[in-house]
């Protein structure tokens, strides 16, 4: 249905990496070395992806695995919200 063609990170990301694009899947890594994300944050943007539509249709957008930790290296529990991509004319 679509290819991921780019990944953009927010300004707080100091170190970043992602898999080869374009692709229908991507892995990303984002690190906050300057500790710009602080406190009891309930929502944070990790990255934005840009898609190039290949055809009309509907597809699931899923996050299949994740590892997020705090400044001490302890894993943070998160809520995953998968989505749907709908391409219509």
PDB file of N, CA and C in Angstrom:
ATOM      1  N   UNK A   1       0.823  -1.198   0.000  1.00  0.00           N
ATOM      2  CA  UNK A   1       0.000   0.000   0.000  1.00  0.00           C
ATOM      3  C   UNK A   1       0.866   1.259   0.000  1.00  0.00           C
ATOM      4  N   UNK A   2       1.948   1.252   0.791  1.00  0.00           N
ATOM      5  CA  UNK A   2       2.804   2.438   0.900  1.00  0.00           C
ATOM      6  C   UNK A   2       4.203   2.026   1.335  1.00  0.00           C
ATOM      7  N   UNK A   3       5.162   2.856   1.006  1.00  0.00           N
ATOM      8  CA  UNK A   3       6.536   2.689   1.488  1.00  0.00           C
ATOM      9  C   UNK A   3       6.864   3.822   2.438  1.00  0.00           C
ATOM     10  N   UNK A   4       7.636   3.524   3.450  1.00  0.00           N
ATOM     11  CA  UNK A   4       8.180   4.560   4.324  1.00  0.00           C
ATOM     12  C   UNK A   4       9.376   5.147   3.586  1.00  0.00           C
ATOM     13  N   UNK A   5       9.353   6.480   3.357  1.00  0.00           N
ATOM     14  CA  UNK A   5      10.424   7.094   2.578  1.00  0.00           C
ATOM     15  C   UNK A   5      11.341   7.991   3.417  1.00  0.00           C
ATOM     16  N   UNK A   6      10.879   8.398   4.618  1.00  0.00           N
ATOM     17  CA  UNK A   6      11.762   9.198   5.470  1.00  0.00           C
ATOM     18  C   UNK A   6      11.347   9.106   6.926  1.00  0.00           C
ATOM     19  N   UNK A   7      12.309   9.381   7.811  1.00  0.00           N
ATOM     20  CA  UNK A   7      12.090   9.437   9.247  1.00  0.00           C
ATOM     21  C   UNK A   7      12.642  10.766   9.729  1.00  0.00           C
ATOM     22  N   UNK A   8      11.826  11.526  10.459  1.00  0.00           N
ATOM     23  CA  UNK A   8      12.260  12.810  11.022  1.00  0.00           C
ATOM     24  C   UNK A   8      12.129  12.735  12.538  1.00  0.00           C
ATOM     25  N   UNK A   9      13.165  13.227  13.220  1.00  0.00           N
ATOM     26  CA  UNK A   9      13.206  13.172  14.675  1.00  0.00           C
ATOM     27  C   UNK A   9      12.987  14.560  15.267  1.00  0.00           C
ATOM     28  N   UNK A  10      12.418  14.639  16.474  1.00  0.00           N
ATOM     29  CA  UNK A  10      12.238  15.929  17.148  1.00  0.00           C
ATOM     30  C   UNK A  10      13.584  16.503  17.603  1.00  0.00           C
ATOM     31  N   UNK A  11      13.588  17.770  17.993  1.00  0.00           N
ATOM     32  CA  UNK A  11      14.828  18.476  18.342  1.00  0.00           C
ATOM     33  C   UNK A  11      15.519  17.909  19.566  1.00  0.00           C
ATOM     34  N   UNK A  12      14.821  17.213  20.440  1.00  0.00           N
ATOM     35  CA  UNK A  12      15.462  16.670  21.639  1.00  0.00           C
ATOM     36  C   UNK A  12      16.371  15.489  21.353  1.00  0.00           C
ATOM     37  N   UNK A  13      16.234  14.868  20.184  1.00  0.00           N
ATOM     38  CA  UNK A  13      17.026  13.678  19.849  1.00  0.00           C
ATOM     39  C   UNK A  13      18.454  14.089  19.513  1.00  0.00           C
ATOM     40  N   UNK A  14      19.404  13.559  20.297  1.00  0.00           N
ATOM     41  CA  UNK A  14      20.817  13.867  20.092  1.00  0.00           C
ATOM     42  C   UNK A  14      21.476  12.844  19.180  1.00  0.00           C
ATOM     43  N   UNK A  15      21.260  11.568  19.457  1.00  0.00           N
ATOM     44  CA  UNK A  15      21.759  10.481  18.608  1.00  0.00           C
ATOM     45  C   UNK A  15      20.564   9.791  17.978  1.00  0.00           C
ATOM     46  N   UNK A  16      20.679   9.501  16.682  1.00  0.00           N
ATOM     47  CA  UNK A  16      19.561   8.868  15.986  1.00  0.00           C
ATOM     48  C   UNK A  16      20.083   7.919  14.919  1.00  0.00           C
ATOM     49  N   UNK A  17      19.261   6.947  14.606  1.00  0.00           N
ATOM     50  CA  UNK A  17      19.600   5.990  13.557  1.00  0.00           C
ATOM     51  C   UNK A  17      18.305   5.327  13.102  1.00  0.00           C
ATOM     52  N   UNK A  18      18.299   4.833  11.877  1.00  0.00           N
ATOM     53  CA  UNK A  18      17.149   4.098  11.360  1.00  0.00           C
ATOM     54  C   UNK A  18      17.602   3.224  10.207  1.00  0.00           C
ATOM     55  N   UNK A  19      16.758   2.235   9.881  1.00  0.00           N
ATOM     56  CA  UNK A  19      17.097   1.282   8.826  1.00  0.00           C
ATOM     57  C   UNK A  19      16.988   1.923   7.446  1.00  0.00           C
ATOM     58  N   UNK A  20      17.460   1.187   6.448  1.00  0.00           N
ATOM     59  CA  UNK A  20      17.469   1.687   5.070  1.00  0.00           C
ATOM     60  C   UNK A  20      16.065   1.951   4.555  1.00  0.00           C
ATOM     61  N   UNK A  21      15.926   3.044   3.849  1.00  0.00           N
ATOM     62  CA  UNK A  21      14.652   3.442   3.256  1.00  0.00           C
ATOM     63  C   UNK A  21      14.848   3.712   1.780  1.00  0.00           C
ATOM     64  N   UNK A  22      13.841   3.607   0.942  1.00  0.00           N
ATOM     65  CA  UNK A  22      12.442   3.302   1.247  1.00  0.00           C
ATOM     66  C   UNK A  22      12.257   1.829   1.566  1.00  0.00           C
ATOM     67  N   UNK A  23      11.225   1.561   2.364  1.00  0.00           N
ATOM     68  CA  UNK A  23      10.899   0.206   2.775  1.00  0.00           C
ATOM     69  C   UNK A  23       9.471   0.192   3.329  1.00  0.00           C
ATOM     70  N   UNK A  24       8.899  -1.005   3.475  1.00  0.00           N
ATOM     71  CA  UNK A  24       7.576  -1.087   4.094  1.00  0.00           C
ATOM     72  C   UNK A  24       7.682  -1.299   5.603  1.00  0.00           C
ATOM     73  N   UNK A  25       8.911  -1.417   6.118  1.00  0.00           N
ATOM     74  CA  UNK A  25       9.154  -1.474   7.560  1.00  0.00           C
ATOM     75  C   UNK A  25      10.368  -0.611   7.889  1.00  0.00           C
ATOM     76  N   UNK A  26      10.450  -0.192   9.138  1.00  0.00           N
ATOM     77  CA  UNK A  26      11.605   0.600   9.564  1.00  0.00           C
ATOM     78  C   UNK A  26      11.840   0.370  11.052  1.00  0.00           C
ATOM     79  N   UNK A  27      13.110   0.351  11.463  1.00  0.00           N
ATOM     80  CA  UNK A  27      13.429   0.414  12.887  1.00  0.00           C
ATOM     81  C   UNK A  27      14.086   1.763  13.129  1.00  0.00           C
ATOM     82  N   UNK A  28      13.859   2.310  14.314  1.00  0.00           N
ATOM     83  CA  UNK A  28      14.447   3.607  14.658  1.00  0.00           C
ATOM     84  C   UNK A  28      15.097   3.530  16.028  1.00  0.00           C
ATOM     85  N   UNK A  29      16.102   4.387  16.231  1.00  0.00           N
ATOM     86  CA  UNK A  29      16.733   4.561  17.532  1.00  0.00           C
ATOM     87  C   UNK A  29      16.851   6.058  17.776  1.00  0.00           C
ATOM     88  N   UNK A  30      16.498   6.490  18.983  1.00  0.00           N
ATOM     89  CA  UNK A  30      16.565   7.908  19.348  1.00  0.00           C
ATOM     90  C   UNK A  30      17.073   8.017  20.779  1.00  0.00           C
ATOM     91  N   UNK A  31      18.080   8.875  21.004  1.00  0.00           N
ATOM     92  CA  UNK A  31      18.677   9.029  22.333  1.00  0.00           C
ATOM     93  C   UNK A  31      18.667  10.503  22.724  1.00  0.00           C
ATOM     94  N   UNK A  32      18.294  10.767  23.967  1.00  0.00           N
ATOM     95  CA  UNK A  32      18.259  12.118  24.542  1.00  0.00           C
ATOM     96  C   UNK A  32      19.476  12.303  25.455  1.00  0.00           C
ATOM     97  N   UNK A  33      20.641  12.568  24.869  1.00  0.00           N
ATOM     98  CA  UNK A  33      21.873  12.731  25.655  1.00  0.00           C
ATOM     99  C   UNK A  33      21.869  14.000  26.500  1.00  0.00           C
ATOM    100  N   UNK A  34      21.170  15.026  26.055  1.00  0.00           N
ATOM    101  CA  UNK A  34      21.164  16.309  26.768  1.00  0.00           C
ATOM    102  C   UNK A  34      20.039  16.419  27.785  1.00  0.00           C
ATOM    103  N   UNK A  35      19.331  15.318  28.013  1.00  0.00           N
ATOM    104  CA  UNK A  35      18.255  15.245  29.006  1.00  0.00           C
ATOM    105  C   UNK A  35      17.214  16.363  28.855  1.00  0.00           C
ATOM    106  N   UNK A  36      16.788  16.585  27.612  1.00  0.00           N
ATOM    107  CA  UNK A  36      15.767  17.601  27.339  1.00  0.00           C
ATOM    108  C   UNK A  36      14.365  17.123  27.709  1.00  0.00           C
ATOM    109  N   UNK A  37      14.140  15.810  27.699  1.00  0.00           N
ATOM    110  CA  UNK A  37      12.855  15.260  28.109  1.00  0.00           C
ATOM    111  C   UNK A  37      12.971  14.925  29.594  1.00  0.00           C
ATOM    112  N   UNK A  38      12.263  15.670  30.422  1.00  0.00           N
ATOM    113  CA  UNK A  38      12.361  15.529  31.878  1.00  0.00           C
ATOM    114  C   UNK A  38      10.977  15.471  32.507  1.00  0.00           C
ATOM    115  N   UNK A  39      10.930  14.974  33.719  1.00  0.00           N
ATOM    116  CA  UNK A  39       9.694  14.997  34.494  1.00  0.00           C
ATOM    117  C   UNK A  39       8.749  13.875  34.137  1.00  0.00           C
ATOM    118  N   UNK A  40       7.536  14.011  34.589  1.00  0.00           N
ATOM    119  CA  UNK A  40       6.503  13.006  34.383  1.00  0.00           C
ATOM    120  C   UNK A  40       5.779  13.286  33.066  1.00  0.00           C
ATOM    121  N   UNK A  41       6.394  12.912  31.959  1.00  0.00           N
ATOM    122  CA  UNK A  41       5.855  13.173  30.632  1.00  0.00           C
ATOM    123  C   UNK A  41       4.907  12.042  30.242  1.00  0.00           C
ATOM    124  N   UNK A  42       3.688  12.394  29.812  1.00  0.00           N
ATOM    125  CA  UNK A  42       2.727  11.358  29.436  1.00  0.00           C
ATOM    126  C   UNK A  42       2.716  11.085  27.938  1.00  0.00           C
ATOM    127  N   UNK A  43       3.171  12.028  27.123  1.00  0.00           N
ATOM    128  CA  UNK A  43       3.244  11.823  25.673  1.00  0.00           C
ATOM    129  C   UNK A  43       4.515  12.466  25.149  1.00  0.00           C
ATOM    130  N   UNK A  44       5.213  11.740  24.279  1.00  0.00           N
ATOM    131  CA  UNK A  44       6.420  12.275  23.665  1.00  0.00           C
ATOM    132  C   UNK A  44       6.504  11.734  22.235  1.00  0.00           C
ATOM    133  N   UNK A  45       6.819  12.601  21.295  1.00  0.00           N
ATOM    134  CA  UNK A  45       7.005  12.176  19.913  1.00  0.00           C
ATOM    135  C   UNK A  45       8.407  11.599  19.779  1.00  0.00           C
ATOM    136  N   UNK A  46       8.497  10.362  19.322  1.00  0.00           N
ATOM    137  CA  UNK A  46       9.787   9.713  19.118  1.00  0.00           C
ATOM    138  C   UNK A  46      10.302   9.961  17.698  1.00  0.00           C
ATOM    139  N   UNK A  47       9.398  10.002  16.736  1.00  0.00           N
ATOM    140  CA  UNK A  47       9.777  10.250  15.344  1.00  0.00           C
ATOM    141  C   UNK A  47       8.509  10.404  14.515  1.00  0.00           C
ATOM    142  N   UNK A  48       8.670  11.000  13.356  1.00  0.00           N
ATOM    143  CA  UNK A  48       7.589  11.076  12.381  1.00  0.00           C
ATOM    144  C   UNK A  48       8.068  10.379  11.119  1.00  0.00           C
ATOM    145  N   UNK A  49       7.176   9.580  10.538  1.00  0.00           N
ATOM    146  CA  UNK A  49       7.527   8.907   9.297  1.00  0.00           C
ATOM    147  C   UNK A  49       6.710   9.490   8.154  1.00  0.00           C
ATOM    148  N   UNK A  50       7.316   9.504   6.959  1.00  0.00           N
ATOM    149  CA  UNK A  50       6.630   9.962   5.757  1.00  0.00           C
ATOM    150  C   UNK A  50       6.446   8.759   4.846  1.00  0.00           C
ATOM    151  N   UNK A  51       5.222   8.617   4.348  1.00  0.00           N
ATOM    152  CA  UNK A  51       4.877   7.496   3.483  1.00  0.00           C
ATOM    153  C   UNK A  51       4.698   7.956   2.048  1.00  0.00           C
ATOM    154  N   UNK A  52       5.064   7.098   1.104  1.00  0.00           N
ATOM    155  CA  UNK A  52       4.775   7.314  -0.308  1.00  0.00           C
ATOM    156  C   UNK A  52       3.742   6.261  -0.703  1.00  0.00           C
ATOM    157  N   UNK A  53       2.581   6.741  -1.098  1.00  0.00           N
ATOM    158  CA  UNK A  53       1.470   5.864  -1.431  1.00  0.00           C
ATOM    159  C   UNK A  53       1.733   5.167  -2.762  1.00  0.00           C
ATOM    160  N   UNK A  54       1.494   3.858  -2.793  1.00  0.00           N
ATOM    161  CA  UNK A  54       1.716   3.058  -3.997  1.00  0.00           C
ATOM    162  C   UNK A  54       0.411   2.658  -4.680  1.00  0.00           C
ATOM    163  N   UNK A  55      -0.667   2.530  -3.872  1.00  0.00           N
ATOM    164  CA  UNK A  55      -1.949   2.123  -4.456  1.00  0.00           C
ATOM    165  C   UNK A  55      -3.077   2.428  -3.479  1.00  0.00           C
ATOM    166  N   UNK A  56      -4.287   2.391  -3.967  1.00  0.00           N
ATOM    167  CA  UNK A  56      -5.488   2.592  -3.151  1.00  0.00           C
ATOM    168  C   UNK A  56      -5.721   1.338  -2.320  1.00  0.00           C
ATOM    169  N   UNK A  57      -6.173   1.518  -1.085  1.00  0.00           N
ATOM    170  CA  UNK A  57      -6.482   0.370  -0.244  1.00  0.00           C
ATOM    171  C   UNK A  57      -6.456   0.725   1.226  1.00  0.00           C
ATOM    172  N   UNK A  58      -6.453  -0.302   2.053  1.00  0.00           N
ATOM    173  CA  UNK A  58      -6.419  -0.125   3.503  1.00  0.00           C
ATOM    174  C   UNK A  58      -5.382  -1.099   4.068  1.00  0.00           C
ATOM    175  N   UNK A  59      -4.634  -0.645   5.057  1.00  0.00           N
ATOM    176  CA  UNK A  59      -3.593  -1.472   5.655  1.00  0.00           C
ATOM    177  C   UNK A  59      -3.433  -1.110   7.123  1.00  0.00           C
ATOM    178  N   UNK A  60      -2.970  -2.055   7.899  1.00  0.00           N
ATOM    179  CA  UNK A  60      -2.680  -1.796   9.306  1.00  0.00           C
ATOM    180  C   UNK A  60      -1.295  -1.172   9.443  1.00  0.00           C
ATOM    181  N   UNK A  61      -1.154  -0.281  10.392  1.00  0.00           N
ATOM    182  CA  UNK A  61       0.126   0.314  10.756  1.00  0.00           C
ATOM    183  C   UNK A  61       0.414  -0.193  12.159  1.00  0.00           C
ATOM    184  N   UNK A  62       1.453  -1.004  12.308  1.00  0.00           N
ATOM    185  CA  UNK A  62       1.682  -1.674  13.589  1.00  0.00           C
ATOM    186  C   UNK A  62       3.100  -1.447  14.093  1.00  0.00           C
ATOM    187  N   UNK A  63       3.216  -1.256  15.394  1.00  0.00           N
ATOM    188  CA  UNK A  63       4.499  -1.238  16.077  1.00  0.00           C
ATOM    189  C   UNK A  63       4.647  -2.632  16.679  1.00  0.00           C
ATOM    190  N   UNK A  64       5.654  -3.357  16.234  1.00  0.00           N
ATOM    191  CA  UNK A  64       5.744  -4.762  16.615  1.00  0.00           C
ATOM    192  C   UNK A  64       6.660  -5.020  17.804  1.00  0.00           C
ATOM    193  N   UNK A  65       7.600  -4.161  18.066  1.00  0.00           N
ATOM    194  CA  UNK A  65       8.434  -4.328  19.256  1.00  0.00           C
ATOM    195  C   UNK A  65       9.028  -2.974  19.620  1.00  0.00           C
ATOM    196  N   UNK A  66       9.427  -2.861  20.864  1.00  0.00           N
ATOM    197  CA  UNK A  66       9.972  -1.599  21.331  1.00  0.00           C
ATOM    198  C   UNK A  66      10.831  -1.818  22.560  1.00  0.00           C
ATOM    199  N   UNK A  67      11.760  -0.926  22.757  1.00  0.00           N
ATOM    200  CA  UNK A  67      12.555  -0.867  23.979  1.00  0.00           C
ATOM    201  C   UNK A  67      12.757   0.609  24.289  1.00  0.00           C
ATOM    202  N   UNK A  68      12.215   1.052  25.401  1.00  0.00           N
ATOM    203  CA  UNK A  68      12.371   2.439  25.826  1.00  0.00           C
ATOM    204  C   UNK A  68      12.808   2.411  27.279  1.00  0.00           C
ATOM    205  N   UNK A  69      13.900   3.136  27.569  1.00  0.00           N
ATOM    206  CA  UNK A  69      14.355   3.163  28.958  1.00  0.00           C
ATOM    207  C   UNK A  69      14.588   4.586  29.426  1.00  0.00           C
ATOM    208  N   UNK A  70      14.660   4.746  30.749  1.00  0.00           N
ATOM    209  CA  UNK A  70      14.873   6.068  31.346  1.00  0.00           C
ATOM    210  C   UNK A  70      16.365   6.351  31.485  1.00  0.00           C
ATOM    211  N   UNK A  71      16.703   7.480  32.101  1.00  0.00           N
ATOM    212  CA  UNK A  71      18.105   7.886  32.240  1.00  0.00           C
ATOM    213  C   UNK A  71      18.935   6.901  33.056  1.00  0.00           C
ATOM    214  N   UNK A  72      18.291   6.123  33.913  1.00  0.00           N
ATOM    215  CA  UNK A  72      18.995   5.137  34.731  1.00  0.00           C
ATOM    216  C   UNK A  72      19.089   3.771  34.041  1.00  0.00           C
ATOM    217  N   UNK A  73      18.485   3.651  32.864  1.00  0.00           N
ATOM    218  CA  UNK A  73      18.519   2.395  32.126  1.00  0.00           C
ATOM    219  C   UNK A  73      17.379   1.453  32.443  1.00  0.00           C
ATOM    220  N   UNK A  74      16.423   1.897  33.251  1.00  0.00           N
ATOM    221  CA  UNK A  74      15.257   1.065  33.579  1.00  0.00           C
ATOM    222  C   UNK A  74      14.217   1.179  32.478  1.00  0.00           C
ATOM    223  N   UNK A  75      13.619   0.043  32.117  1.00  0.00           N
ATOM    224  CA  UNK A  75      12.626   0.041  31.051  1.00  0.00           C
ATOM    225  C   UNK A  75      11.376   0.810  31.459  1.00  0.00           C
ATOM    226  N   UNK A  76      10.844   1.577  30.524  1.00  0.00           N
ATOM    227  CA  UNK A  76       9.623   2.351  30.725  1.00  0.00           C
ATOM    228  C   UNK A  76       8.472   1.588  30.086  1.00  0.00           C
ATOM    229  N   UNK A  77       7.389   1.409  30.839  1.00  0.00           N
ATOM    230  CA  UNK A  77       6.185   0.785  30.289  1.00  0.00           C
ATOM    231  C   UNK A  77       5.448   1.817  29.447  1.00  0.00           C
ATOM    232  N   UNK A  78       5.069   1.425  28.238  1.00  0.00           N
ATOM    233  CA  UNK A  78       4.372   2.343  27.347  1.00  0.00           C
ATOM    234  C   UNK A  78       3.113   1.688  26.805  1.00  0.00           C
ATOM    235  N   UNK A  79       2.242   2.505  26.257  1.00  0.00           N
ATOM    236  CA  UNK A  79       1.035   2.030  25.597  1.00  0.00           C
ATOM    237  C   UNK A  79       1.230   2.182  24.094  1.00  0.00           C
ATOM    238  N   UNK A  80       1.034   1.112  23.368  1.00  0.00           N
ATOM    239  CA  UNK A  80       1.165   1.120  21.913  1.00  0.00           C
ATOM    240  C   UNK A  80      -0.215   1.347  21.305  1.00  0.00           C
ATOM    241  N   UNK A  81      -0.298   2.288  20.367  1.00  0.00           N
ATOM    242  CA  UNK A  81      -1.542   2.530  19.643  1.00  0.00           C
ATOM    243  C   UNK A  81      -1.282   2.299  18.161  1.00  0.00           C
ATOM    244  N   UNK A  82      -1.631   1.110  17.686  1.00  0.00           N
ATOM    245  CA  UNK A  82      -1.492   0.813  16.269  1.00  0.00           C
ATOM    246  C   UNK A  82      -2.554   1.582  15.502  1.00  0.00           C
ATOM    247  N   UNK A  83      -2.377   1.690  14.206  1.00  0.00           N
ATOM    248  CA  UNK A  83      -3.305   2.487  13.423  1.00  0.00           C
ATOM    249  C   UNK A  83      -3.661   1.809  12.118  1.00  0.00           C
ATOM    250  N   UNK A  84      -4.391   2.528  11.303  1.00  0.00           N
ATOM    251  CA  UNK A  84      -4.821   2.063   9.992  1.00  0.00           C
ATOM    252  C   UNK A  84      -4.485   3.132   8.974  1.00  0.00           C
ATOM    253  N   UNK A  85      -3.996   2.694   7.824  1.00  0.00           N
ATOM    254  CA  UNK A  85      -3.746   3.602   6.701  1.00  0.00           C
ATOM    255  C   UNK A  85      -4.857   3.336   5.687  1.00  0.00           C
ATOM    256  N   UNK A  86      -5.571   4.388   5.318  1.00  0.00           N
ATOM    257  CA  UNK A  86      -6.630   4.282   4.331  1.00  0.00           C
ATOM    258  C   UNK A  86      -6.291   5.223   3.182  1.00  0.00           C
ATOM    259  N   UNK A  87      -6.111   4.671   1.995  1.00  0.00           N
ATOM    260  CA  UNK A  87      -5.828   5.466   0.809  1.00  0.00           C
ATOM    261  C   UNK A  87      -7.043   5.362  -0.108  1.00  0.00           C
ATOM    262  N   UNK A  88      -7.654   6.504  -0.375  1.00  0.00           N
ATOM    263  CA  UNK A  88      -8.877   6.563  -1.164  1.00  0.00           C
ATOM    264  C   UNK A  88      -8.741   7.729  -2.140  1.00  0.00           C
ATOM    265  N   UNK A  89      -9.527   7.682  -3.198  1.00  0.00           N
ATOM    266  CA  UNK A  89      -9.492   8.786  -4.154  1.00  0.00           C
ATOM    267  C   UNK A  89     -10.579   9.765  -3.900  1.00  0.00           C
TER     268      UNK A  89
END
